[in-house]
Amino acid sequence: MDIETLTKRINFLYNKSKEEPLTKKELEEQAELRKMYVDRVKNNLRSQLKGIKKNSK
């Protein structure tokens, strides 16, 4: 799943939760999607930092 699709689904579930309670399955999906998002952001940041370190030597 690409980051844009991931973000849209996270936002959809967030907005839905403001209108009505999410089902157990939706809550589990939301938690998993958020974990995937955070992991991708961390990996991207690590890659950027490694690139800066290599270029500065």
N, C-alpha and C. Protein backbone atom coordinates (compact mmCIF):
# COMPACT_ATOMS: atom_id res chain seq x y z
N MET A 1 0.85 -1.17 0.00
CA MET A 1 0.00 0.00 0.00
C MET A 1 0.90 1.24 0.00
N ASP A 2 0.67 2.15 -0.90
CA ASP A 2 1.49 3.35 -0.95
C ASP A 2 1.09 4.32 0.17
N ILE A 3 1.95 5.27 0.44
CA ILE A 3 1.75 6.18 1.58
C ILE A 3 0.49 7.03 1.43
N GLU A 4 0.15 7.40 0.21
CA GLU A 4 -1.06 8.21 -0.01
C GLU A 4 -2.32 7.42 0.33
N THR A 5 -2.39 6.19 -0.13
CA THR A 5 -3.53 5.32 0.16
C THR A 5 -3.62 5.04 1.65
N LEU A 6 -2.48 4.81 2.25
CA LEU A 6 -2.40 4.55 3.68
C LEU A 6 -2.94 5.75 4.47
N THR A 7 -2.51 6.93 4.11
CA THR A 7 -2.94 8.15 4.78
C THR A 7 -4.44 8.38 4.61
N LYS A 8 -4.94 8.16 3.41
CA LYS A 8 -6.38 8.35 3.16
C LYS A 8 -7.22 7.42 4.03
N ARG A 9 -6.78 6.17 4.15
CA ARG A 9 -7.53 5.20 4.95
C ARG A 9 -7.48 5.55 6.44
N ILE A 10 -6.32 5.97 6.91
CA ILE A 10 -6.18 6.40 8.30
C ILE A 10 -7.12 7.58 8.57
N ASN A 11 -7.11 8.55 7.67
CA ASN A 11 -7.97 9.72 7.84
C ASN A 11 -9.45 9.36 7.78
N PHE A 12 -9.81 8.44 6.89
CA PHE A 12 -11.19 7.99 6.80
C PHE A 12 -11.65 7.38 8.12
N LEU A 13 -10.84 6.50 8.67
CA LEU A 13 -11.21 5.86 9.93
C LEU A 13 -11.27 6.87 11.07
N TYR A 14 -10.35 7.83 11.07
CA TYR A 14 -10.37 8.87 12.09
C TYR A 14 -11.67 9.68 12.00
N ASN A 15 -12.01 10.12 10.80
CA ASN A 15 -13.23 10.92 10.63
C ASN A 15 -14.48 10.12 10.98
N LYS A 16 -14.48 8.85 10.62
CA LYS A 16 -15.62 7.99 10.95
C LYS A 16 -15.76 7.85 12.46
N SER A 17 -14.63 7.76 13.16
CA SER A 17 -14.67 7.60 14.61
C SER A 17 -15.25 8.83 15.31
N LYS A 18 -15.18 9.98 14.65
CA LYS A 18 -15.76 11.19 15.22
C LYS A 18 -17.28 11.20 15.09
N GLU A 19 -17.81 10.45 14.13
CA GLU A 19 -19.25 10.39 13.90
C GLU A 19 -19.92 9.23 14.64
N GLU A 20 -19.22 8.12 14.72
CA GLU A 20 -19.78 6.92 15.35
C GLU A 20 -18.62 6.05 15.84
N PRO A 21 -18.89 5.19 16.81
CA PRO A 21 -17.83 4.31 17.30
C PRO A 21 -17.39 3.32 16.20
N LEU A 22 -16.10 3.08 16.16
CA LEU A 22 -15.57 2.10 15.21
C LEU A 22 -15.79 0.70 15.76
N THR A 23 -15.92 -0.25 14.84
CA THR A 23 -16.05 -1.65 15.25
C THR A 23 -14.68 -2.14 15.72
N LYS A 24 -14.67 -3.27 16.36
CA LYS A 24 -13.41 -3.85 16.84
C LYS A 24 -12.46 -4.08 15.66
N LYS A 25 -12.99 -4.57 14.56
CA LYS A 25 -12.18 -4.82 13.37
C LYS A 25 -11.58 -3.52 12.83
N GLU A 26 -12.38 -2.46 12.81
CA GLU A 26 -11.89 -1.16 12.34
C GLU A 26 -10.83 -0.58 13.27
N LEU A 27 -11.02 -0.77 14.57
CA LEU A 27 -10.02 -0.29 15.53
C LEU A 27 -8.69 -1.02 15.34
N GLU A 28 -8.77 -2.33 15.10
CA GLU A 28 -7.56 -3.11 14.84
C GLU A 28 -6.88 -2.66 13.55
N GLU A 29 -7.68 -2.41 12.52
CA GLU A 29 -7.15 -1.93 11.25
C GLU A 29 -6.48 -0.57 11.43
N GLN A 30 -7.14 0.31 12.16
CA GLN A 30 -6.61 1.65 12.40
C GLN A 30 -5.26 1.57 13.11
N ALA A 31 -5.15 0.73 14.12
CA ALA A 31 -3.90 0.58 14.85
C ALA A 31 -2.79 0.04 13.94
N GLU A 32 -3.12 -0.94 13.12
CA GLU A 32 -2.13 -1.51 12.20
C GLU A 32 -1.69 -0.49 11.15
N LEU A 33 -2.63 0.25 10.61
CA LEU A 33 -2.29 1.27 9.61
C LEU A 33 -1.41 2.36 10.20
N ARG A 34 -1.73 2.77 11.41
CA ARG A 34 -0.91 3.79 12.07
C ARG A 34 0.50 3.28 12.32
N LYS A 35 0.62 2.02 12.72
CA LYS A 35 1.94 1.42 12.93
C LYS A 35 2.73 1.39 11.62
N MET A 36 2.07 0.99 10.55
CA MET A 36 2.72 0.96 9.24
C MET A 36 3.20 2.35 8.85
N TYR A 37 2.36 3.36 9.08
CA TYR A 37 2.70 4.74 8.73
C TYR A 37 3.93 5.21 9.51
N VAL A 38 3.90 4.99 10.82
CA VAL A 38 5.02 5.42 11.66
C VAL A 38 6.31 4.70 11.26
N ASP A 39 6.22 3.40 10.98
CA ASP A 39 7.40 2.65 10.55
C ASP A 39 7.98 3.21 9.26
N ARG A 40 7.13 3.58 8.33
CA ARG A 40 7.61 4.15 7.06
C ARG A 40 8.28 5.50 7.27
N VAL A 41 7.68 6.32 8.12
CA VAL A 41 8.27 7.63 8.41
C VAL A 41 9.65 7.45 9.06
N LYS A 42 9.74 6.52 10.01
CA LYS A 42 11.03 6.26 10.67
C LYS A 42 12.07 5.79 9.66
N ASN A 43 11.69 4.86 8.80
CA ASN A 43 12.62 4.34 7.80
C ASN A 43 13.07 5.42 6.83
N ASN A 44 12.16 6.27 6.41
CA ASN A 44 12.51 7.37 5.51
C ASN A 44 13.48 8.33 6.19
N LEU A 45 13.23 8.64 7.45
CA LEU A 45 14.11 9.54 8.18
C LEU A 45 15.50 8.93 8.34
N ARG A 46 15.55 7.63 8.68
CA ARG A 46 16.84 6.96 8.81
C ARG A 46 17.62 7.02 7.50
N SER A 47 16.93 6.78 6.39
CA SER A 47 17.58 6.82 5.07
C SER A 47 18.13 8.22 4.78
N GLN A 48 17.35 9.22 5.10
CA GLN A 48 17.79 10.60 4.87
C GLN A 48 19.00 10.93 5.73
N LEU A 49 18.98 10.50 6.98
CA LEU A 49 20.10 10.77 7.87
C LEU A 49 21.36 10.04 7.43
N LYS A 50 21.22 8.82 6.96
CA LYS A 50 22.38 8.08 6.45
C LYS A 50 22.97 8.78 5.24
N GLY A 51 22.11 9.31 4.40
CA GLY A 51 22.57 10.03 3.21
C GLY A 51 23.34 11.28 3.58
N ILE A 52 22.88 11.97 4.60
CA ILE A 52 23.57 13.21 5.05
C ILE A 52 24.92 12.84 5.62
N LYS A 53 24.98 11.80 6.40
CA LYS A 53 26.22 11.38 7.03
C LYS A 53 27.26 10.99 5.98
N LYS A 54 26.84 10.23 4.97
CA LYS A 54 27.75 9.79 3.91
C LYS A 54 28.25 10.96 3.09
N ASN A 55 27.40 11.92 2.81
CA ASN A 55 27.77 13.05 1.96
C ASN A 55 28.66 14.05 2.69
N SER A 56 28.60 14.07 4.01
CA SER A 56 29.36 15.07 4.75
C SER A 56 30.80 14.64 5.00
N LYS A 57 31.16 13.41 4.72
CA LYS A 57 32.53 12.93 4.96
C LYS A 57 33.47 13.37 3.87
